[in-house]
Protein backbone atom coordinates (compact mmCIF):
# COMPACT_ATOMS: atom_id res chain seq x y z
CA MET A 1 26.43 33.56 62.06
CA LYS A 2 28.61 36.33 61.61
CA LYS A 3 26.23 38.05 59.86
CA GLN A 4 23.44 36.77 62.43
CA ILE A 5 25.94 38.39 65.74
CA LEU A 6 26.39 41.47 63.30
CA SER A 7 22.09 42.07 63.40
CA ARG A 8 21.77 41.23 67.05
CA GLY A 9 24.78 44.02 67.63
CA LEU A 10 22.82 46.65 66.32
CA VAL A 11 19.59 46.01 67.72
CA GLY A 12 20.92 45.71 71.31
CA PHE A 13 22.61 48.92 71.28
CA PRO A 14 19.22 50.80 71.30
CA VAL A 15 18.14 47.98 73.82
CA GLY A 16 21.00 48.63 75.96
CA ILE A 17 20.51 52.48 76.22
CA ALA A 18 16.48 52.00 76.79
CA ILE A 19 17.29 49.27 79.38
CA GLY A 20 20.11 51.57 81.54
CA PHE A 21 17.43 54.55 80.87
CA VAL A 22 14.50 52.12 82.88
CA ILE A 23 17.11 51.45 85.91
CA THR A 24 18.02 55.04 86.22
CA LEU A 25 14.23 55.94 86.64
CA ILE A 26 14.11 53.02 88.61
CA ILE A 27 16.95 54.02 90.73
CA SER A 28 15.38 57.69 91.04
CA ALA A 29 12.24 56.30 92.84
CA CYS A 30 13.27 54.43 95.31
CA VAL A 31 15.28 57.49 96.19
CA GLY A 32 12.05 58.92 96.69
CA ASP A 33 13.16 62.43 96.71
CA GLY A 34 11.50 63.40 93.27
CA SER A 35 14.88 64.05 91.64
CA TYR A 36 16.04 62.42 88.69
CA TYR A 37 19.59 60.64 89.05
CA PRO A 38 20.53 59.63 85.36
CA VAL A 39 23.96 59.17 86.48
CA THR A 40 26.17 58.48 90.18
CA PRO A 41 27.78 61.97 91.44
CA GLU A 42 31.62 60.18 90.90
CA LEU A 43 30.59 59.77 87.63
CA ILE A 44 29.61 63.67 86.94
CA GLY A 45 33.24 65.12 88.92
CA SER A 46 35.14 62.50 86.70
CA MET A 47 33.67 64.08 82.63
CA GLY A 48 33.24 67.27 84.55
CA ASN A 49 29.81 68.31 84.41
CA GLU A 50 26.58 66.11 84.12
CA LEU A 51 25.81 66.35 80.66
CA ASN A 52 29.55 64.61 79.28
CA ALA A 53 28.60 61.74 82.33
CA VAL A 54 25.12 61.18 80.53
CA ILE A 55 26.75 60.57 77.01
CA LEU A 56 29.65 58.29 78.29
CA GLN A 57 27.00 55.94 80.02
CA THR A 58 24.63 56.08 77.36
CA VAL A 59 27.55 55.03 74.75
CA LEU A 60 29.06 52.32 77.64
CA CYS A 61 24.79 51.11 77.64
CA GLY A 62 24.11 50.77 74.06
CA ILE A 63 28.21 48.74 73.88
CA MET A 64 26.65 46.18 76.96
CA GLY A 65 23.49 45.73 75.00
CA SER A 66 25.46 44.77 71.69
CA GLY A 67 27.60 42.54 73.73
CA PHE A 68 24.68 40.88 75.25
CA ALA A 69 22.92 40.71 72.40
CA MET A 70 25.98 39.63 69.67
CA ALA A 71 26.93 36.66 72.95
CA SER A 72 23.23 35.33 72.84
CA VAL A 73 24.61 33.39 69.62
CA ILE A 74 26.78 31.06 71.92
CA TRP A 75 22.68 29.48 73.51
CA GLU A 76 22.55 28.49 69.93
CA LEU A 77 25.68 26.60 69.58
CA ASP A 78 24.14 22.67 69.93
CA SER A 79 27.75 20.99 69.38
CA TRP A 80 28.65 22.90 73.38
CA SER A 81 27.16 21.52 76.14
CA LEU A 82 25.11 23.63 78.14
CA ALA A 83 28.25 24.10 80.49
CA LYS A 84 30.05 25.24 78.09
CA GLN A 85 27.53 27.94 76.93
CA SER A 86 27.30 29.26 80.05
CA GLY A 87 30.87 29.39 81.08
CA ILE A 88 31.64 30.75 78.20
CA TYR A 89 28.61 33.56 78.38
CA PHE A 90 29.33 34.52 81.58
CA LEU A 91 32.88 35.66 80.84
CA ILE A 92 31.73 37.66 78.12
CA ALA A 93 29.05 39.04 80.28
CA CYS A 94 31.54 39.76 83.07
CA ILE A 95 33.98 41.27 80.27
CA ILE A 96 31.90 43.66 79.05
CA MET A 97 30.31 44.01 82.45
CA LEU A 98 32.88 45.05 84.46
CA PRO A 99 34.79 47.37 82.70
CA ILE A 100 32.05 48.99 82.22
CA ALA A 101 30.49 49.05 85.73
CA TYR A 102 33.99 49.86 87.29
CA ILE A 103 34.06 52.86 84.37
CA THR A 104 30.20 54.78 85.04
CA ASN A 105 30.77 54.08 89.29
CA TRP A 106 28.35 51.89 89.20
CA MET A 107 30.63 49.77 91.80
CA LYS A 108 33.37 51.61 94.36
CA HIS A 109 36.42 51.62 93.22
CA SER A 110 38.23 49.34 95.73
CA ILE A 111 38.54 46.11 96.31
CA ALA A 112 35.59 45.66 98.42
CA GLY A 113 33.32 47.50 96.42
CA VAL A 114 34.43 45.32 92.70
CA LEU A 115 34.79 42.54 94.45
CA SER A 116 30.43 43.24 96.24
CA TYR A 117 29.59 44.34 92.78
CA VAL A 118 31.01 40.40 90.93
CA GLY A 119 29.47 39.12 93.64
CA ILE A 120 25.60 40.82 93.24
CA PHE A 121 26.43 40.16 89.11
CA VAL A 122 27.00 36.54 90.24
CA VAL A 123 23.82 36.01 92.15
CA ILE A 124 21.38 37.94 89.52
CA PHE A 125 23.56 35.67 86.76
CA VAL A 126 22.74 32.70 88.14
CA LEU A 127 19.17 33.05 89.05
CA VAL A 128 18.59 34.38 85.89
CA TRP A 129 19.99 31.52 84.81
CA ILE A 130 17.82 28.74 86.55
CA ALA A 131 14.55 30.66 85.73
CA GLN A 132 15.07 30.11 81.87
CA TYR A 133 16.78 26.40 82.58
CA LEU A 134 13.36 26.27 83.85
CA SER A 135 10.98 28.08 81.42
CA TRP A 136 12.61 26.01 79.06
CA LYS A 137 12.55 22.86 80.41
CA ARG A 138 8.73 23.21 81.00
CA LYS A 139 8.64 24.40 77.51
CA ILE A 140 10.21 21.36 76.55
CA LYS A 141 8.37 18.99 78.63
CA ARG A 142 4.94 20.26 77.05
CA MET A 143 6.25 19.92 73.47
CA ASN A 144 6.57 16.45 74.28
CA GLU A 145 3.31 16.28 76.05
CA CYS A 146 2.22 17.28 72.91
CA PHE A 147 4.10 14.56 70.79
CA GLY A 148 2.70 11.95 72.92
CA LYS A 149 -0.53 12.68 72.41
CA GLY A 150 -0.38 13.07 69.04
CA LYS A 151 1.07 9.46 68.83
CA ASP A 152 -1.86 7.97 70.35
CA THR A 153 -4.78 9.42 68.92
CA LYS A 154 -3.14 7.83 65.62
């Protein structure tokens, strides 16, 4: 299990960087003025220049990717209930995501900003969880149907 956690973390680092980069492209395209916005202006201000801000955000996106990838082993713990897996994964995701979002200024540095970000995070987490649950439920149903057909033909 430890080896699996480590290998997932190593793979997750560049994946986190790639996802972070794609998100900045999407945000820049949505702004629609033809400019590329790699980081928030607030992060540039706190880091002194754009290069330092981009380096910090890149490293933090890598750490986030590693953390999420490492935490994914939770879903393979068959001795845990789905509720326990979901709760622990959610806690780990919050511990990883919220400080990084605060440091990178992806949220306003106010109570309202933090609560708003947490609310958005919870909604996205729940939507992804439901989509994954329904997907697995459909796959299991198909597998059971295949096994059921195999028994009828014998």
